């Protein structure tokens, strides 16, 4: 008789930050424990930035990754999605805690004030 091993459930990655939880396996974002509705592009941009906290991404990099297209005229599209995302996840979208602007370059996901 062949012994049966317990099958481990697949790893369910979750990105956890103070006041913000991104459950990748469920495609859910919780702000202070409350579900936040994000569009496909907002969710994609958030996951892309949050997966590498502190790393600076250009608008072109974000656009190519999230939109899955070449980035000829991406500037306003990325800025618009980041603006909407901040309104939904930031405690104060005028003083972002999570998504920081790096002037002349793009954006980064940061921790702390």
C-alpha atoms as a PDB file:
ATOM      1  CA  UNK A   1       0.000   0.000   0.000  1.00  0.00           C
ATOM      2  CA  UNK A   2       1.301   3.456  -0.903  1.00  0.00           C
ATOM      3  CA  UNK A   3       1.168   5.963   1.951  1.00  0.00           C
ATOM      4  CA  UNK A   4      -0.825   9.050   1.082  1.00  0.00           C
ATOM      5  CA  UNK A   5       0.730  12.364   1.952  1.00  0.00           C
ATOM      6  CA  UNK A   6      -1.358  15.324   2.956  1.00  0.00           C
ATOM      7  CA  UNK A   7      -1.711  17.684   0.039  1.00  0.00           C
ATOM      8  CA  UNK A   8      -0.694  21.196   0.988  1.00  0.00           C
ATOM      9  CA  UNK A   9      -3.016  23.903  -0.247  1.00  0.00           C
ATOM     10  CA  UNK A  10      -1.358  26.113  -2.850  1.00  0.00           C
ATOM     11  CA  UNK A  11       0.477  29.098  -1.433  1.00  0.00           C
ATOM     12  CA  UNK A  12      -1.905  32.034  -1.294  1.00  0.00           C
ATOM     13  CA  UNK A  13       0.157  35.201  -1.517  1.00  0.00           C
ATOM     14  CA  UNK A  14      -1.036  38.248   0.334  1.00  0.00           C
ATOM     15  CA  UNK A  15       0.713  41.609   0.419  1.00  0.00           C
ATOM     16  CA  UNK A  16       0.180  43.205   3.812  1.00  0.00           C
ATOM     17  CA  UNK A  17       0.950  46.819   4.665  1.00  0.00           C
ATOM     18  CA  UNK A  18      -0.240  49.000   7.564  1.00  0.00           C
ATOM     19  CA  UNK A  19      -3.960  49.546   6.894  1.00  0.00           C
ATOM     20  CA  UNK A  20      -3.859  47.834   3.481  1.00  0.00           C
ATOM     21  CA  UNK A  21      -4.086  44.175   2.479  1.00  0.00           C
ATOM     22  CA  UNK A  22      -3.856  42.850  -1.083  1.00  0.00           C
ATOM     23  CA  UNK A  23      -5.073  39.251  -1.379  1.00  0.00           C
ATOM     24  CA  UNK A  24      -3.638  38.250  -4.738  1.00  0.00           C
ATOM     25  CA  UNK A  25      -5.266  34.805  -4.784  1.00  0.00           C
ATOM     26  CA  UNK A  26      -8.712  36.367  -4.328  1.00  0.00           C
ATOM     27  CA  UNK A  27      -8.100  39.567  -6.329  1.00  0.00           C
ATOM     28  CA  UNK A  28      -9.265  41.526  -3.283  1.00  0.00           C
ATOM     29  CA  UNK A  29      -8.005  44.713  -1.667  1.00  0.00           C
ATOM     30  CA  UNK A  30      -8.930  45.590   1.900  1.00  0.00           C
ATOM     31  CA  UNK A  31      -8.424  49.019   3.432  1.00  0.00           C
ATOM     32  CA  UNK A  32      -8.639  48.803   7.226  1.00  0.00           C
ATOM     33  CA  UNK A  33     -10.463  45.476   6.788  1.00  0.00           C
ATOM     34  CA  UNK A  34     -13.061  46.817   4.330  1.00  0.00           C
ATOM     35  CA  UNK A  35     -13.231  45.600   0.732  1.00  0.00           C
ATOM     36  CA  UNK A  36     -12.332  48.268  -1.822  1.00  0.00           C
ATOM     37  CA  UNK A  37     -13.626  48.002  -5.385  1.00  0.00           C
ATOM     38  CA  UNK A  38     -10.872  48.599  -7.942  1.00  0.00           C
ATOM     39  CA  UNK A  39     -11.038  48.508 -11.717  1.00  0.00           C
ATOM     40  CA  UNK A  40      -8.832  46.029 -13.561  1.00  0.00           C
ATOM     41  CA  UNK A  41      -6.274  48.750 -14.320  1.00  0.00           C
ATOM     42  CA  UNK A  42      -6.281  50.148 -10.762  1.00  0.00           C
ATOM     43  CA  UNK A  43      -5.793  46.670  -9.312  1.00  0.00           C
ATOM     44  CA  UNK A  44      -3.042  45.890 -11.820  1.00  0.00           C
ATOM     45  CA  UNK A  45      -1.177  49.121 -11.074  1.00  0.00           C
ATOM     46  CA  UNK A  46      -1.485  48.585  -7.314  1.00  0.00           C
ATOM     47  CA  UNK A  47      -0.180  45.011  -7.474  1.00  0.00           C
ATOM     48  CA  UNK A  48       2.639  45.991  -9.814  1.00  0.00           C
ATOM     49  CA  UNK A  49       3.859  48.757  -7.486  1.00  0.00           C
ATOM     50  CA  UNK A  50       3.178  46.975  -4.172  1.00  0.00           C
ATOM     51  CA  UNK A  51       5.050  43.820  -5.237  1.00  0.00           C
ATOM     52  CA  UNK A  52       8.304  45.856  -5.160  1.00  0.00           C
ATOM     53  CA  UNK A  53       8.055  48.422  -2.336  1.00  0.00           C
ATOM     54  CA  UNK A  54      10.595  51.198  -2.680  1.00  0.00           C
ATOM     55  CA  UNK A  55      11.379  50.479  -6.331  1.00  0.00           C
ATOM     56  CA  UNK A  56      10.753  53.388  -8.694  1.00  0.00           C
ATOM     57  CA  UNK A  57       8.826  52.615 -11.875  1.00  0.00           C
ATOM     58  CA  UNK A  58       8.431  54.916 -14.853  1.00  0.00           C
ATOM     59  CA  UNK A  59       4.983  55.594 -16.240  1.00  0.00           C
ATOM     60  CA  UNK A  60       6.048  53.653 -19.342  1.00  0.00           C
ATOM     61  CA  UNK A  61       6.976  50.580 -17.248  1.00  0.00           C
ATOM     62  CA  UNK A  62       3.659  50.700 -15.397  1.00  0.00           C
ATOM     63  CA  UNK A  63       1.723  51.165 -18.634  1.00  0.00           C
ATOM     64  CA  UNK A  64       3.462  48.313 -20.460  1.00  0.00           C
ATOM     65  CA  UNK A  65       2.977  45.931 -17.527  1.00  0.00           C
ATOM     66  CA  UNK A  66      -0.609  46.786 -16.576  1.00  0.00           C
ATOM     67  CA  UNK A  67      -2.080  47.638 -19.970  1.00  0.00           C
ATOM     68  CA  UNK A  68       0.023  44.982 -21.765  1.00  0.00           C
ATOM     69  CA  UNK A  69       0.623  47.411 -24.605  1.00  0.00           C
ATOM     70  CA  UNK A  70       3.458  49.533 -25.931  1.00  0.00           C
ATOM     71  CA  UNK A  71       3.697  52.891 -24.217  1.00  0.00           C
ATOM     72  CA  UNK A  72       3.570  55.609 -26.838  1.00  0.00           C
ATOM     73  CA  UNK A  73       1.039  57.907 -25.156  1.00  0.00           C
ATOM     74  CA  UNK A  74       0.757  56.433 -21.692  1.00  0.00           C
ATOM     75  CA  UNK A  75       1.481  59.444 -19.480  1.00  0.00           C
ATOM     76  CA  UNK A  76      -2.081  60.648 -18.900  1.00  0.00           C
ATOM     77  CA  UNK A  77      -3.532  57.117 -18.689  1.00  0.00           C
ATOM     78  CA  UNK A  78      -1.156  56.082 -15.899  1.00  0.00           C
ATOM     79  CA  UNK A  79      -1.562  59.395 -14.044  1.00  0.00           C
ATOM     80  CA  UNK A  80      -5.362  59.052 -14.198  1.00  0.00           C
ATOM     81  CA  UNK A  81      -5.339  55.475 -12.843  1.00  0.00           C
ATOM     82  CA  UNK A  82      -2.892  56.415 -10.051  1.00  0.00           C
ATOM     83  CA  UNK A  83      -5.078  59.401  -9.124  1.00  0.00           C
ATOM     84  CA  UNK A  84      -8.215  57.219  -8.911  1.00  0.00           C
ATOM     85  CA  UNK A  85      -6.338  54.534  -6.998  1.00  0.00           C
ATOM     86  CA  UNK A  86      -5.095  57.067  -4.441  1.00  0.00           C
ATOM     87  CA  UNK A  87      -8.672  58.299  -3.880  1.00  0.00           C
ATOM     88  CA  UNK A  88      -9.673  54.743  -2.990  1.00  0.00           C
ATOM     89  CA  UNK A  89      -6.752  53.460  -0.888  1.00  0.00           C
ATOM     90  CA  UNK A  90      -4.957  56.449   0.622  1.00  0.00           C
ATOM     91  CA  UNK A  91      -5.950  57.809   4.041  1.00  0.00           C
ATOM     92  CA  UNK A  92      -5.396  61.300   2.531  1.00  0.00           C
ATOM     93  CA  UNK A  93      -4.936  61.306  -1.244  1.00  0.00           C
ATOM     94  CA  UNK A  94      -3.361  64.787  -1.111  1.00  0.00           C
ATOM     95  CA  UNK A  95      -0.556  63.375   1.088  1.00  0.00           C
ATOM     96  CA  UNK A  96      -0.116  59.809  -0.202  1.00  0.00           C
ATOM     97  CA  UNK A  97       1.150  57.178   2.219  1.00  0.00           C
ATOM     98  CA  UNK A  98       1.377  54.236  -0.185  1.00  0.00           C
ATOM     99  CA  UNK A  99       1.911  55.483  -3.741  1.00  0.00           C
ATOM    100  CA  UNK A 100       4.561  58.188  -3.935  1.00  0.00           C
ATOM    101  CA  UNK A 101       5.315  60.338  -6.959  1.00  0.00           C
ATOM    102  CA  UNK A 102       8.967  60.450  -7.990  1.00  0.00           C
ATOM    103  CA  UNK A 103       9.141  63.759  -9.862  1.00  0.00           C
ATOM    104  CA  UNK A 104      10.321  63.469 -13.424  1.00  0.00           C
ATOM    105  CA  UNK A 105      10.427  59.655 -13.226  1.00  0.00           C
ATOM    106  CA  UNK A 106       7.189  57.943 -12.182  1.00  0.00           C
ATOM    107  CA  UNK A 107       5.888  56.272  -9.036  1.00  0.00           C
ATOM    108  CA  UNK A 108       6.880  53.962  -6.209  1.00  0.00           C
ATOM    109  CA  UNK A 109       5.059  52.086  -3.479  1.00  0.00           C
ATOM    110  CA  UNK A 110       6.411  53.205  -0.119  1.00  0.00           C
ATOM    111  CA  UNK A 111       5.748  52.520   3.538  1.00  0.00           C
ATOM    112  CA  UNK A 112       5.423  55.153   6.220  1.00  0.00           C
ATOM    113  CA  UNK A 113       4.561  58.812   6.019  1.00  0.00           C
END
